[in-house]
Amino acid sequence: MKKPTSKRPRKSRASNQGEEFSFGLGKPYANNDEYAEKGLLFDILSIEFEPGKGFEGRDRWALTVKAKDRDPEVLSLNSNPRRDEQLRSAQAHLQRGGKSSNKRLRLSGNAYYLTDGHS
């Protein structure tokens, strides 16, 4: 025999009527090959470490970058010990209000690297 249960009033949910849903609200991902091949200069606006969000569940870094005549995009780079050290330092620099301007993405072998660029 079932025990009597007290009925709680349902919580009402806020209505989303009239709001349009868009898949395009996030920042677009940059094409690493294009950035490296064209030698695009960019400023790094933010750096975030994303554990488990990379290829095959690996850790990665997501850098919001702004190249001339483009909207901000996200460059995604795999995690490795040397890069982790460099990007943690760069991340702290940005968080203290510093800037990271005129950078380039280079391809060496199968890996991408950040370098200082010249305008």
PDB file of N, CA and C in Angstrom:
ATOM      1  N   MET A   1       0.838  -1.170   0.000  1.00  0.00           N
ATOM      2  CA  MET A   1       0.000   0.000   0.000  1.00  0.00           C
ATOM      3  C   MET A   1       0.887   1.238   0.000  1.00  0.00           C
ATOM      4  N   LYS A   2       0.538   2.199  -0.840  1.00  0.00           N
ATOM      5  CA  LYS A   2       1.297   3.434  -0.948  1.00  0.00           C
ATOM      6  C   LYS A   2       0.998   4.354   0.207  1.00  0.00           C
ATOM      7  N   LYS A   3       2.079   5.031   0.641  1.00  0.00           N
ATOM      8  CA  LYS A   3       1.906   6.020   1.687  1.00  0.00           C
ATOM      9  C   LYS A   3       1.379   7.293   1.042  1.00  0.00           C
ATOM     10  N   PRO A   4       0.512   7.976   1.717  1.00  0.00           N
ATOM     11  CA  PRO A   4       0.024   9.235   1.154  1.00  0.00           C
ATOM     12  C   PRO A   4       1.181  10.245   1.083  1.00  0.00           C
ATOM     13  N   THR A   5       1.237  10.958  -0.003  1.00  0.00           N
ATOM     14  CA  THR A   5       2.278  11.970  -0.178  1.00  0.00           C
ATOM     15  C   THR A   5       1.638  13.346  -0.154  1.00  0.00           C
ATOM     16  N   SER A   6       2.393  14.268   0.369  1.00  0.00           N
ATOM     17  CA  SER A   6       1.870  15.626   0.366  1.00  0.00           C
ATOM     18  C   SER A   6       2.171  16.228  -0.996  1.00  0.00           C
ATOM     19  N   LYS A   7       1.224  16.903  -1.537  1.00  0.00           N
ATOM     20  CA  LYS A   7       1.396  17.526  -2.835  1.00  0.00           C
ATOM     21  C   LYS A   7       1.920  18.931  -2.639  1.00  0.00           C
ATOM     22  N   ARG A   8       3.071  19.179  -3.310  1.00  0.00           N
ATOM     23  CA  ARG A   8       3.645  20.516  -3.263  1.00  0.00           C
ATOM     24  C   ARG A   8       3.249  21.246  -4.531  1.00  0.00           C
ATOM     25  N   PRO A   9       3.006  22.515  -4.393  1.00  0.00           N
ATOM     26  CA  PRO A   9       2.671  23.260  -5.607  1.00  0.00           C
ATOM     27  C   PRO A   9       3.893  23.301  -6.528  1.00  0.00           C
ATOM     28  N   ARG A  10       3.634  23.204  -7.812  1.00  0.00           N
ATOM     29  CA  ARG A  10       4.700  23.270  -8.808  1.00  0.00           C
ATOM     30  C   ARG A  10       5.249  24.680  -8.890  1.00  0.00           C
ATOM     31  N   LYS A  11       6.568  24.728  -9.056  1.00  0.00           N
ATOM     32  CA  LYS A  11       7.189  26.033  -9.249  1.00  0.00           C
ATOM     33  C   LYS A  11       6.990  26.423 -10.698  1.00  0.00           C
ATOM     34  N   SER A  12       6.598  27.628 -10.904  1.00  0.00           N
ATOM     35  CA  SER A  12       6.398  28.061 -12.277  1.00  0.00           C
ATOM     36  C   SER A  12       7.737  28.437 -12.890  1.00  0.00           C
ATOM     37  N   ARG A  13       7.894  28.139 -14.161  1.00  0.00           N
ATOM     38  CA  ARG A  13       9.103  28.478 -14.896  1.00  0.00           C
ATOM     39  C   ARG A  13       8.879  29.781 -15.642  1.00  0.00           C
ATOM     40  N   ALA A  14       9.947  30.531 -15.752  1.00  0.00           N
ATOM     41  CA  ALA A  14       9.856  31.789 -16.490  1.00  0.00           C
ATOM     42  C   ALA A  14       9.573  31.473 -17.950  1.00  0.00           C
ATOM     43  N   SER A  15       8.753  32.243 -18.558  1.00  0.00           N
ATOM     44  CA  SER A  15       8.384  32.026 -19.944  1.00  0.00           C
ATOM     45  C   SER A  15       9.441  32.621 -20.872  1.00  0.00           C
ATOM     46  N   ASN A  16       9.754  31.882 -21.919  1.00  0.00           N
ATOM     47  CA  ASN A  16      10.700  32.367 -22.926  1.00  0.00           C
ATOM     48  C   ASN A  16       9.974  32.794 -24.195  1.00  0.00           C
ATOM     49  N   GLN A  17       8.690  33.023 -24.082  1.00  0.00           N
ATOM     50  CA  GLN A  17       7.932  33.402 -25.253  1.00  0.00           C
ATOM     51  C   GLN A  17       8.433  34.725 -25.798  1.00  0.00           C
ATOM     52  N   GLY A  18       8.569  34.786 -27.097  1.00  0.00           N
ATOM     53  CA  GLY A  18       8.995  36.010 -27.744  1.00  0.00           C
ATOM     54  C   GLY A  18      10.502  36.117 -27.899  1.00  0.00           C
ATOM     55  N   GLU A  19      11.259  35.223 -27.231  1.00  0.00           N
ATOM     56  CA  GLU A  19      12.712  35.254 -27.372  1.00  0.00           C
ATOM     57  C   GLU A  19      13.117  34.300 -28.489  1.00  0.00           C
ATOM     58  N   GLU A  20      14.022  34.736 -29.323  1.00  0.00           N
ATOM     59  CA  GLU A  20      14.511  33.922 -30.442  1.00  0.00           C
ATOM     60  C   GLU A  20      15.742  33.154 -30.004  1.00  0.00           C
ATOM     61  N   PHE A  21      15.792  31.847 -30.308  1.00  0.00           N
ATOM     62  CA  PHE A  21      16.964  31.034 -30.008  1.00  0.00           C
ATOM     63  C   PHE A  21      17.933  31.109 -31.173  1.00  0.00           C
ATOM     64  N   SER A  22      19.225  31.203 -30.867  1.00  0.00           N
ATOM     65  CA  SER A  22      20.236  31.265 -31.918  1.00  0.00           C
ATOM     66  C   SER A  22      21.389  30.348 -31.578  1.00  0.00           C
ATOM     67  N   PHE A  23      21.868  29.616 -32.583  1.00  0.00           N
ATOM     68  CA  PHE A  23      23.056  28.796 -32.400  1.00  0.00           C
ATOM     69  C   PHE A  23      24.316  29.629 -32.586  1.00  0.00           C
ATOM     70  N   GLY A  24      24.197  30.844 -33.019  1.00  0.00           N
ATOM     71  CA  GLY A  24      25.352  31.662 -33.337  1.00  0.00           C
ATOM     72  C   GLY A  24      25.763  32.645 -32.263  1.00  0.00           C
ATOM     73  N   LEU A  25      25.344  32.449 -31.028  1.00  0.00           N
ATOM     74  CA  LEU A  25      25.655  33.406 -29.980  1.00  0.00           C
ATOM     75  C   LEU A  25      27.069  33.249 -29.416  1.00  0.00           C
ATOM     76  N   GLY A  26      27.676  32.091 -29.563  1.00  0.00           N
ATOM     77  CA  GLY A  26      29.018  31.874 -29.037  1.00  0.00           C
ATOM     78  C   GLY A  26      30.074  32.460 -29.946  1.00  0.00           C
ATOM     79  N   LYS A  27      31.315  32.466 -29.463  1.00  0.00           N
ATOM     80  CA  LYS A  27      32.429  32.943 -30.274  1.00  0.00           C
ATOM     81  C   LYS A  27      32.806  31.853 -31.270  1.00  0.00           C
ATOM     82  N   PRO A  28      33.067  32.235 -32.508  1.00  0.00           N
ATOM     83  CA  PRO A  28      33.470  31.230 -33.491  1.00  0.00           C
ATOM     84  C   PRO A  28      34.900  30.767 -33.231  1.00  0.00           C
ATOM     85  N   TYR A  29      35.160  29.511 -33.587  1.00  0.00           N
ATOM     86  CA  TYR A  29      36.510  28.974 -33.471  1.00  0.00           C
ATOM     87  C   TYR A  29      37.321  29.371 -34.690  1.00  0.00           C
ATOM     88  N   ALA A  30      38.545  29.782 -34.443  1.00  0.00           N
ATOM     89  CA  ALA A  30      39.460  30.165 -35.511  1.00  0.00           C
ATOM     90  C   ALA A  30      39.993  28.907 -36.182  1.00  0.00           C
ATOM     91  N   ASN A  31      40.374  29.039 -37.439  1.00  0.00           N
ATOM     92  CA  ASN A  31      41.013  27.952 -38.170  1.00  0.00           C
ATOM     93  C   ASN A  31      42.519  28.093 -37.961  1.00  0.00           C
ATOM     94  N   ASN A  32      43.088  27.215 -37.139  1.00  0.00           N
ATOM     95  CA  ASN A  32      44.514  27.304 -36.813  1.00  0.00           C
ATOM     96  C   ASN A  32      45.381  27.268 -38.073  1.00  0.00           C
ATOM     97  N   ASP A  33      45.019  26.423 -39.035  1.00  0.00           N
ATOM     98  CA  ASP A  33      45.795  26.341 -40.283  1.00  0.00           C
ATOM     99  C   ASP A  33      45.824  27.687 -40.996  1.00  0.00           C
ATOM    100  N   GLU A  34      44.674  28.344 -41.086  1.00  0.00           N
ATOM    101  CA  GLU A  34      44.603  29.640 -41.757  1.00  0.00           C
ATOM    102  C   GLU A  34      45.466  30.679 -41.042  1.00  0.00           C
ATOM    103  N   TYR A  35      45.371  30.733 -39.723  1.00  0.00           N
ATOM    104  CA  TYR A  35      46.165  31.696 -38.967  1.00  0.00           C
ATOM    105  C   TYR A  35      47.659  31.475 -39.203  1.00  0.00           C
ATOM    106  N   ALA A  36      48.091  30.215 -39.207  1.00  0.00           N
ATOM    107  CA  ALA A  36      49.512  29.913 -39.395  1.00  0.00           C
ATOM    108  C   ALA A  36      49.954  30.172 -40.835  1.00  0.00           C
ATOM    109  N   GLU A  37      49.175  29.695 -41.805  1.00  0.00           N
ATOM    110  CA  GLU A  37      49.549  29.843 -43.221  1.00  0.00           C
ATOM    111  C   GLU A  37      49.609  31.301 -43.660  1.00  0.00           C
ATOM    112  N   LYS A  38      48.654  32.107 -43.191  1.00  0.00           N
ATOM    113  CA  LYS A  38      48.606  33.510 -43.586  1.00  0.00           C
ATOM    114  C   LYS A  38      49.465  34.402 -42.694  1.00  0.00           C
ATOM    115  N   GLY A  39      50.011  33.840 -41.629  1.00  0.00           N
ATOM    116  CA  GLY A  39      50.823  34.635 -40.714  1.00  0.00           C
ATOM    117  C   GLY A  39      50.050  35.785 -40.097  1.00  0.00           C
ATOM    118  N   LEU A  40      48.781  35.561 -39.792  1.00  0.00           N
ATOM    119  CA  LEU A  40      47.928  36.624 -39.264  1.00  0.00           C
ATOM    120  C   LEU A  40      48.442  37.135 -37.920  1.00  0.00           C
ATOM    121  N   LEU A  41      48.526  38.432 -37.788  1.00  0.00           N
ATOM    122  CA  LEU A  41      48.838  39.068 -36.517  1.00  0.00           C
ATOM    123  C   LEU A  41      47.547  39.188 -35.712  1.00  0.00           C
ATOM    124  N   PHE A  42      47.643  38.942 -34.408  1.00  0.00           N
ATOM    125  CA  PHE A  42      46.448  39.056 -33.571  1.00  0.00           C
ATOM    126  C   PHE A  42      46.838  39.466 -32.162  1.00  0.00           C
ATOM    127  N   ASP A  43      45.840  39.986 -31.453  1.00  0.00           N
ATOM    128  CA  ASP A  43      45.963  40.299 -30.035  1.00  0.00           C
ATOM    129  C   ASP A  43      45.258  39.191 -29.272  1.00  0.00           C
ATOM    130  N   ILE A  44      45.813  38.809 -28.143  1.00  0.00           N
ATOM    131  CA  ILE A  44      45.166  37.820 -27.280  1.00  0.00           C
ATOM    132  C   ILE A  44      44.341  38.580 -26.249  1.00  0.00           C
ATOM    133  N   LEU A  45      43.031  38.338 -26.257  1.00  0.00           N
ATOM    134  CA  LEU A  45      42.120  39.041 -25.353  1.00  0.00           C
ATOM    135  C   LEU A  45      41.919  38.295 -24.040  1.00  0.00           C
ATOM    136  N   SER A  46      41.897  36.951 -24.111  1.00  0.00           N
ATOM    137  CA  SER A  46      41.746  36.151 -22.896  1.00  0.00           C
ATOM    138  C   SER A  46      42.303  34.752 -23.145  1.00  0.00           C
ATOM    139  N   ILE A  47      42.643  34.092 -22.041  1.00  0.00           N
ATOM    140  CA  ILE A  47      43.204  32.742 -22.093  1.00  0.00           C
ATOM    141  C   ILE A  47      42.493  31.917 -21.028  1.00  0.00           C
ATOM    142  N   GLU A  48      41.970  30.773 -21.442  1.00  0.00           N
ATOM    143  CA  GLU A  48      41.274  29.885 -20.511  1.00  0.00           C
ATOM    144  C   GLU A  48      41.801  28.463 -20.667  1.00  0.00           C
ATOM    145  N   PHE A  49      42.066  27.788 -19.548  1.00  0.00           N
ATOM    146  CA  PHE A  49      42.438  26.380 -19.547  1.00  0.00           C
ATOM    147  C   PHE A  49      41.159  25.572 -19.465  1.00  0.00           C
ATOM    148  N   GLU A  50      40.989  24.584 -20.341  1.00  0.00           N
ATOM    149  CA  GLU A  50      39.763  23.790 -20.386  1.00  0.00           C
ATOM    150  C   GLU A  50      40.095  22.307 -20.233  1.00  0.00           C
ATOM    151  N   PRO A  51      40.106  21.811 -18.989  1.00  0.00           N
ATOM    152  CA  PRO A  51      40.416  20.404 -18.760  1.00  0.00           C
ATOM    153  C   PRO A  51      39.384  19.488 -19.414  1.00  0.00           C
ATOM    154  N   GLY A  52      39.872  18.494 -20.150  1.00  0.00           N
ATOM    155  CA  GLY A  52      39.002  17.481 -20.741  1.00  0.00           C
ATOM    156  C   GLY A  52      38.173  17.921 -21.927  1.00  0.00           C
ATOM    157  N   LYS A  53      38.339  19.139 -22.427  1.00  0.00           N
ATOM    158  CA  LYS A  53      37.503  19.626 -23.522  1.00  0.00           C
ATOM    159  C   LYS A  53      38.186  19.571 -24.888  1.00  0.00           C
ATOM    160  N   GLY A  54      39.402  19.071 -24.941  1.00  0.00           N
ATOM    161  CA  GLY A  54      40.125  18.989 -26.201  1.00  0.00           C
ATOM    162  C   GLY A  54      39.825  17.705 -26.958  1.00  0.00           C
ATOM    163  N   PHE A  55      40.573  17.488 -28.022  1.00  0.00           N
ATOM    164  CA  PHE A  55      40.434  16.304 -28.866  1.00  0.00           C
ATOM    165  C   PHE A  55      40.587  15.046 -28.018  1.00  0.00           C
ATOM    166  N   GLU A  56      39.662  14.133 -28.164  1.00  0.00           N
ATOM    167  CA  GLU A  56      39.636  12.859 -27.443  1.00  0.00           C
ATOM    168  C   GLU A  56      39.685  13.047 -25.922  1.00  0.00           C
ATOM    169  N   GLY A  57      39.075  14.108 -25.432  1.00  0.00           N
ATOM    170  CA  GLY A  57      38.968  14.350 -23.998  1.00  0.00           C
ATOM    171  C   GLY A  57      40.238  14.860 -23.335  1.00  0.00           C
ATOM    172  N   ARG A  58      41.188  15.292 -24.138  1.00  0.00           N
ATOM    173  CA  ARG A  58      42.420  15.844 -23.573  1.00  0.00           C
ATOM    174  C   ARG A  58      42.196  17.276 -23.103  1.00  0.00           C
ATOM    175  N   ASP A  59      43.137  17.759 -22.313  1.00  0.00           N
ATOM    176  CA  ASP A  59      43.085  19.153 -21.863  1.00  0.00           C
ATOM    177  C   ASP A  59      43.477  20.063 -23.020  1.00  0.00           C
ATOM    178  N   ARG A  60      42.948  21.285 -22.993  1.00  0.00           N
ATOM    179  CA  ARG A  60      43.295  22.253 -24.028  1.00  0.00           C
ATOM    180  C   ARG A  60      43.266  23.654 -23.459  1.00  0.00           C
ATOM    181  N   TRP A  61      43.795  24.569 -24.255  1.00  0.00           N
ATOM    182  CA  TRP A  61      43.753  25.997 -23.975  1.00  0.00           C
ATOM    183  C   TRP A  61      42.863  26.662 -25.015  1.00  0.00           C
ATOM    184  N   ALA A  62      42.036  27.595 -24.582  1.00  0.00           N
ATOM    185  CA  ALA A  62      41.180  28.367 -25.478  1.00  0.00           C
ATOM    186  C   ALA A  62      41.589  29.829 -25.347  1.00  0.00           C
ATOM    187  N   LEU A  63      42.099  30.382 -26.438  1.00  0.00           N
ATOM    188  CA  LEU A  63      42.552  31.765 -26.456  1.00  0.00           C
ATOM    189  C   LEU A  63      41.596  32.582 -27.300  1.00  0.00           C
ATOM    190  N   THR A  64      40.983  33.587 -26.723  1.00  0.00           N
ATOM    191  CA  THR A  64      40.161  34.506 -27.502  1.00  0.00           C
ATOM    192  C   THR A  64      41.111  35.513 -28.122  1.00  0.00           C
ATOM    193  N   VAL A  65      41.104  35.549 -29.459  1.00  0.00           N
ATOM    194  CA  VAL A  65      42.039  36.400 -30.194  1.00  0.00           C
ATOM    195  C   VAL A  65      41.274  37.346 -31.097  1.00  0.00           C
ATOM    196  N   LYS A  66      41.924  38.455 -31.438  1.00  0.00           N
ATOM    197  CA  LYS A  66      41.326  39.454 -32.324  1.00  0.00           C
ATOM    198  C   LYS A  66      42.365  39.826 -33.373  1.00  0.00           C
ATOM    199  N   ALA A  67      42.133  39.361 -34.602  1.00  0.00           N
ATOM    200  CA  ALA A  67      42.971  39.745 -35.735  1.00  0.00           C
ATOM    201  C   ALA A  67      42.343  40.967 -36.400  1.00  0.00           C
ATOM    202  N   LYS A  68      43.164  41.728 -37.087  1.00  0.00           N
ATOM    203  CA  LYS A  68      42.690  42.937 -37.761  1.00  0.00           C
ATOM    204  C   LYS A  68      41.564  42.583 -38.735  1.00  0.00           C
ATOM    205  N   ASP A  69      40.533  43.405 -38.760  1.00  0.00           N
ATOM    206  CA  ASP A  69      39.388  43.259 -39.663  1.00  0.00           C
ATOM    207  C   ASP A  69      38.606  41.966 -39.444  1.00  0.00           C
ATOM    208  N   ARG A  70      38.657  41.397 -38.238  1.00  0.00           N
ATOM    209  CA  ARG A  70      37.889  40.194 -37.903  1.00  0.00           C
ATOM    210  C   ARG A  70      37.254  40.383 -36.539  1.00  0.00           C
ATOM    211  N   ASP A  71      36.167  39.665 -36.333  1.00  0.00           N
ATOM    212  CA  ASP A  71      35.571  39.605 -35.005  1.00  0.00           C
ATOM    213  C   ASP A  71      36.428  38.680 -34.142  1.00  0.00           C
ATOM    214  N   PRO A  72      36.326  38.787 -32.825  1.00  0.00           N
ATOM    215  CA  PRO A  72      37.081  37.869 -31.965  1.00  0.00           C
ATOM    216  C   PRO A  72      36.738  36.412 -32.272  1.00  0.00           C
ATOM    217  N   GLU A  73      37.763  35.569 -32.206  1.00  0.00           N
ATOM    218  CA  GLU A  73      37.622  34.133 -32.449  1.00  0.00           C
ATOM    219  C   GLU A  73      38.400  33.394 -31.364  1.00  0.00           C
ATOM    220  N   VAL A  74      38.140  32.096 -31.242  1.00  0.00           N
ATOM    221  CA  VAL A  74      38.822  31.273 -30.254  1.00  0.00           C
ATOM    222  C   VAL A  74      39.817  30.358 -30.949  1.00  0.00           C
ATOM    223  N   LEU A  75      41.091  30.472 -30.560  1.00  0.00           N
ATOM    224  CA  LEU A  75      42.123  29.536 -30.992  1.00  0.00           C
ATOM    225  C   LEU A  75      42.202  28.446 -29.933  1.00  0.00           C
ATOM    226  N   SER A  76      42.180  27.214 -30.354  1.00  0.00           N
ATOM    227  CA  SER A  76      42.258  26.092 -29.434  1.00  0.00           C
ATOM    228  C   SER A  76      43.616  25.409 -29.605  1.00  0.00           C
ATOM    229  N   LEU A  77      44.339  25.256 -28.498  1.00  0.00           N
ATOM    230  CA  LEU A  77      45.666  24.640 -28.523  1.00  0.00           C
ATOM    231  C   LEU A  77      45.734  23.519 -27.493  1.00  0.00           C
ATOM    232  N   ASN A  78      46.357  22.418 -27.869  1.00  0.00           N
ATOM    233  CA  ASN A  78      46.519  21.298 -26.948  1.00  0.00           C
ATOM    234  C   ASN A  78      47.393  21.689 -25.773  1.00  0.00           C
ATOM    235  N   SER A  79      47.175  21.011 -24.686  1.00  0.00           N
ATOM    236  CA  SER A  79      47.963  21.212 -23.483  1.00  0.00           C
ATOM    237  C   SER A  79      49.233  20.366 -23.553  1.00  0.00           C
ATOM    238  N   ASN A  80      50.346  20.939 -23.097  1.00  0.00           N
ATOM    239  CA  ASN A  80      51.576  20.185 -22.866  1.00  0.00           C
ATOM    240  C   ASN A  80      52.345  20.951 -21.800  1.00  0.00           C
ATOM    241  N   PRO A  81      53.294  20.322 -21.115  1.00  0.00           N
ATOM    242  CA  PRO A  81      53.937  20.991 -19.971  1.00  0.00           C
ATOM    243  C   PRO A  81      54.549  22.356 -20.292  1.00  0.00           C
ATOM    244  N   ARG A  82      55.276  22.481 -21.385  1.00  0.00           N
ATOM    245  CA  ARG A  82      55.905  23.769 -21.707  1.00  0.00           C
ATOM    246  C   ARG A  82      54.854  24.832 -22.024  1.00  0.00           C
ATOM    247  N   ARG A  83      53.873  24.464 -22.854  1.00  0.00           N
ATOM    248  CA  ARG A  83      52.814  25.416 -23.211  1.00  0.00           C
ATOM    249  C   ARG A  83      52.019  25.810 -21.978  1.00  0.00           C
ATOM    250  N   ASP A  84      51.725  24.839 -21.115  1.00  0.00           N
ATOM    251  CA  ASP A  84      50.962  25.135 -19.901  1.00  0.00           C
ATOM    252  C   ASP A  84      51.663  26.203 -19.074  1.00  0.00           C
ATOM    253  N   GLU A  85      52.972  26.077 -18.927  1.00  0.00           N
ATOM    254  CA  GLU A  85      53.735  27.057 -18.154  1.00  0.00           C
ATOM    255  C   GLU A  85      53.667  28.444 -18.802  1.00  0.00           C
ATOM    256  N   GLN A  86      53.876  28.493 -20.111  1.00  0.00           N
ATOM    257  CA  GLN A  86      53.838  29.776 -20.822  1.00  0.00           C
ATOM    258  C   GLN A  86      52.460  30.417 -20.756  1.00  0.00           C
ATOM    259  N   LEU A  87      51.430  29.618 -21.014  1.00  0.00           N
ATOM    260  CA  LEU A  87      50.084  30.191 -21.058  1.00  0.00           C
ATOM    261  C   LEU A  87      49.562  30.561 -19.673  1.00  0.00           C
ATOM    262  N   ARG A  88      49.976  29.861 -18.639  1.00  0.00           N
ATOM    263  CA  ARG A  88      49.588  30.273 -17.284  1.00  0.00           C
ATOM    264  C   ARG A  88      50.199  31.639 -16.961  1.00  0.00           C
ATOM    265  N   SER A  89      51.453  31.845 -17.366  1.00  0.00           N
ATOM    266  CA  SER A  89      52.101  33.146 -17.156  1.00  0.00           C
ATOM    267  C   SER A  89      51.397  34.236 -17.961  1.00  0.00           C
ATOM    268  N   ALA A  90      51.076  33.940 -19.215  1.00  0.00           N
ATOM    269  CA  ALA A  90      50.383  34.915 -20.066  1.00  0.00           C
ATOM    270  C   ALA A  90      48.989  35.214 -19.516  1.00  0.00           C
ATOM    271  N   GLN A  91      48.307  34.187 -19.033  1.00  0.00           N
ATOM    272  CA  GLN A  91      46.972  34.352 -18.459  1.00  0.00           C
ATOM    273  C   GLN A  91      47.039  35.285 -17.244  1.00  0.00           C
ATOM    274  N   ALA A  92      48.008  35.067 -16.363  1.00  0.00           N
ATOM    275  CA  ALA A  92      48.167  35.921 -15.178  1.00  0.00           C
ATOM    276  C   ALA A  92      48.480  37.353 -15.599  1.00  0.00           C
ATOM    277  N   HIS A  93      49.298  37.519 -16.619  1.00  0.00           N
ATOM    278  CA  HIS A  93      49.641  38.849 -17.139  1.00  0.00           C
ATOM    279  C   HIS A  93      48.377  39.580 -17.606  1.00  0.00           C
ATOM    280  N   LEU A  94      47.530  38.888 -18.373  1.00  0.00           N
ATOM    281  CA  LEU A  94      46.283  39.499 -18.854  1.00  0.00           C
ATOM    282  C   LEU A  94      45.349  39.833 -17.692  1.00  0.00           C
ATOM    283  N   GLN A  95      45.288  38.953 -16.708  1.00  0.00           N
ATOM    284  CA  GLN A  95      44.396  39.181 -15.564  1.00  0.00           C
ATOM    285  C   GLN A  95      44.841  40.366 -14.715  1.00  0.00           C
ATOM    286  N   ARG A  96      46.134  40.692 -14.762  1.00  0.00           N
ATOM    287  CA  ARG A  96      46.644  41.865 -14.039  1.00  0.00           C
ATOM    288  C   ARG A  96      46.447  43.144 -14.847  1.00  0.00           C
ATOM    289  N   GLY A  97      45.844  43.025 -16.031  1.00  0.00           N
ATOM    290  CA  GLY A  97      45.590  44.197 -16.853  1.00  0.00           C
ATOM    291  C   GLY A  97      46.615  44.415 -17.950  1.00  0.00           C
ATOM    292  N   GLY A  98      47.543  43.482 -18.109  1.00  0.00           N
ATOM    293  CA  GLY A  98      48.536  43.589 -19.167  1.00  0.00           C
ATOM    294  C   GLY A  98      47.937  43.291 -20.528  1.00  0.00           C
ATOM    295  N   LYS A  99      48.739  43.503 -21.562  1.00  0.00           N
ATOM    296  CA  LYS A  99      48.287  43.241 -22.932  1.00  0.00           C
ATOM    297  C   LYS A  99      49.165  42.179 -23.562  1.00  0.00           C
ATOM    298  N   SER A 100      48.642  41.549 -24.586  1.00  0.00           N
ATOM    299  CA  SER A 100      49.396  40.576 -25.365  1.00  0.00           C
ATOM    300  C   SER A 100      49.037  40.823 -26.832  1.00  0.00           C
ATOM    301  N   SER A 101      49.809  41.691 -27.468  1.00  0.00           N
ATOM    302  CA  SER A 101      49.511  42.147 -28.828  1.00  0.00           C
ATOM    303  C   SER A 101      50.527  41.632 -29.836  1.00  0.00           C
ATOM    304  N   ASN A 102      50.116  41.671 -31.102  1.00  0.00           N
ATOM    305  CA  ASN A 102      50.980  41.317 -32.236  1.00  0.00           C
ATOM    306  C   ASN A 102      51.604  39.937 -32.091  1.00  0.00           C
ATOM    307  N   LYS A 103      50.758  38.935 -31.962  1.00  0.00           N
ATOM    308  CA  LYS A 103      51.198  37.544 -31.878  1.00  0.00           C
ATOM    309  C   LYS A 103      50.877  36.844 -33.186  1.00  0.00           C
ATOM    310  N   ARG A 104      51.577  35.757 -33.434  1.00  0.00           N
ATOM    311  CA  ARG A 104      51.326  34.916 -34.604  1.00  0.00           C
ATOM    312  C   ARG A 104      51.263  33.464 -34.158  1.00  0.00           C
ATOM    313  N   LEU A 105      50.603  32.667 -34.974  1.00  0.00           N
ATOM    314  CA  LEU A 105      50.549  31.229 -34.750  1.00  0.00           C
ATOM    315  C   LEU A 105      51.453  30.577 -35.791  1.00  0.00           C
ATOM    316  N   ARG A 106      52.356  29.739 -35.336  1.00  0.00           N
ATOM    317  CA  ARG A 106      53.291  29.046 -36.231  1.00  0.00           C
ATOM    318  C   ARG A 106      53.047  27.546 -36.122  1.00  0.00           C
ATOM    319  N   LEU A 107      53.243  26.855 -37.232  1.00  0.00           N
ATOM    320  CA  LEU A 107      53.144  25.400 -37.265  1.00  0.00           C
ATOM    321  C   LEU A 107      54.551  24.843 -37.367  1.00  0.00           C
ATOM    322  N   SER A 108      54.899  23.952 -36.444  1.00  0.00           N
ATOM    323  CA  SER A 108      56.191  23.280 -36.467  1.00  0.00           C
ATOM    324  C   SER A 108      55.927  21.792 -36.293  1.00  0.00           C
ATOM    325  N   GLY A 109      56.194  21.027 -37.345  1.00  0.00           N
ATOM    326  CA  GLY A 109      55.830  19.610 -37.303  1.00  0.00           C
ATOM    327  C   GLY A 109      54.325  19.490 -37.284  1.00  0.00           C
ATOM    328  N   ASN A 110      53.805  18.873 -36.248  1.00  0.00           N
ATOM    329  CA  ASN A 110      52.347  18.724 -36.103  1.00  0.00           C
ATOM    330  C   ASN A 110      51.781  19.605 -35.002  1.00  0.00           C
ATOM    331  N   ALA A 111      52.572  20.533 -34.492  1.00  0.00           N
ATOM    332  CA  ALA A 111      52.127  21.350 -33.354  1.00  0.00           C
ATOM    333  C   ALA A 111      52.151  22.834 -33.700  1.00  0.00           C
ATOM    334  N   TYR A 112      51.207  23.552 -33.116  1.00  0.00           N
ATOM    335  CA  TYR A 112      51.129  25.005 -33.273  1.00  0.00           C
ATOM    336  C   TYR A 112      51.806  25.675 -32.082  1.00  0.00           C
ATOM    337  N   TYR A 113      52.480  26.788 -32.367  1.00  0.00           N
ATOM    338  CA  TYR A 113      53.152  27.562 -31.345  1.00  0.00           C
ATOM    339  C   TYR A 113      52.848  29.034 -31.523  1.00  0.00           C
ATOM    340  N   LEU A 114      52.816  29.746 -30.408  1.00  0.00           N
ATOM    341  CA  LEU A 114      52.629  31.196 -30.439  1.00  0.00           C
ATOM    342  C   LEU A 114      53.994  31.860 -30.499  1.00  0.00           C
ATOM    343  N   THR A 115      54.082  32.901 -31.312  1.00  0.00           N
ATOM    344  CA  THR A 115      55.318  33.683 -31.402  1.00  0.00           C
ATOM    345  C   THR A 115      54.967  35.159 -31.400  1.00  0.00           C
ATOM    346  N   ASP A 116      55.955  35.964 -31.076  1.00  0.00           N
ATOM    347  CA  ASP A 116      55.783  37.412 -31.198  1.00  0.00           C
ATOM    348  C   ASP A 116      55.869  37.762 -32.670  1.00  0.00           C
ATOM    349  N   GLY A 117      54.978  38.628 -33.114  1.00  0.00           N
ATOM    350  CA  GLY A 117      54.971  39.056 -34.509  1.00  0.00           C
ATOM    351  C   GLY A 117      55.428  40.494 -34.604  1.00  0.00           C
ATOM    352  N   HIS A 118      55.570  40.925 -35.798  1.00  0.00           N
ATOM    353  CA  HIS A 118      55.936  42.322 -36.052  1.00  0.00           C
ATOM    354  C   HIS A 118      54.911  42.887 -37.021  1.00  0.00           C
ATOM    355  N   SER A 119      54.501  44.114 -36.774  1.00  0.00           N
ATOM    356  CA  SER A 119      53.488  44.707 -37.649  1.00  0.00           C
ATOM    357  C   SER A 119      54.050  45.063 -38.993  1.00  0.00           C
TER     358      SER A 119
END
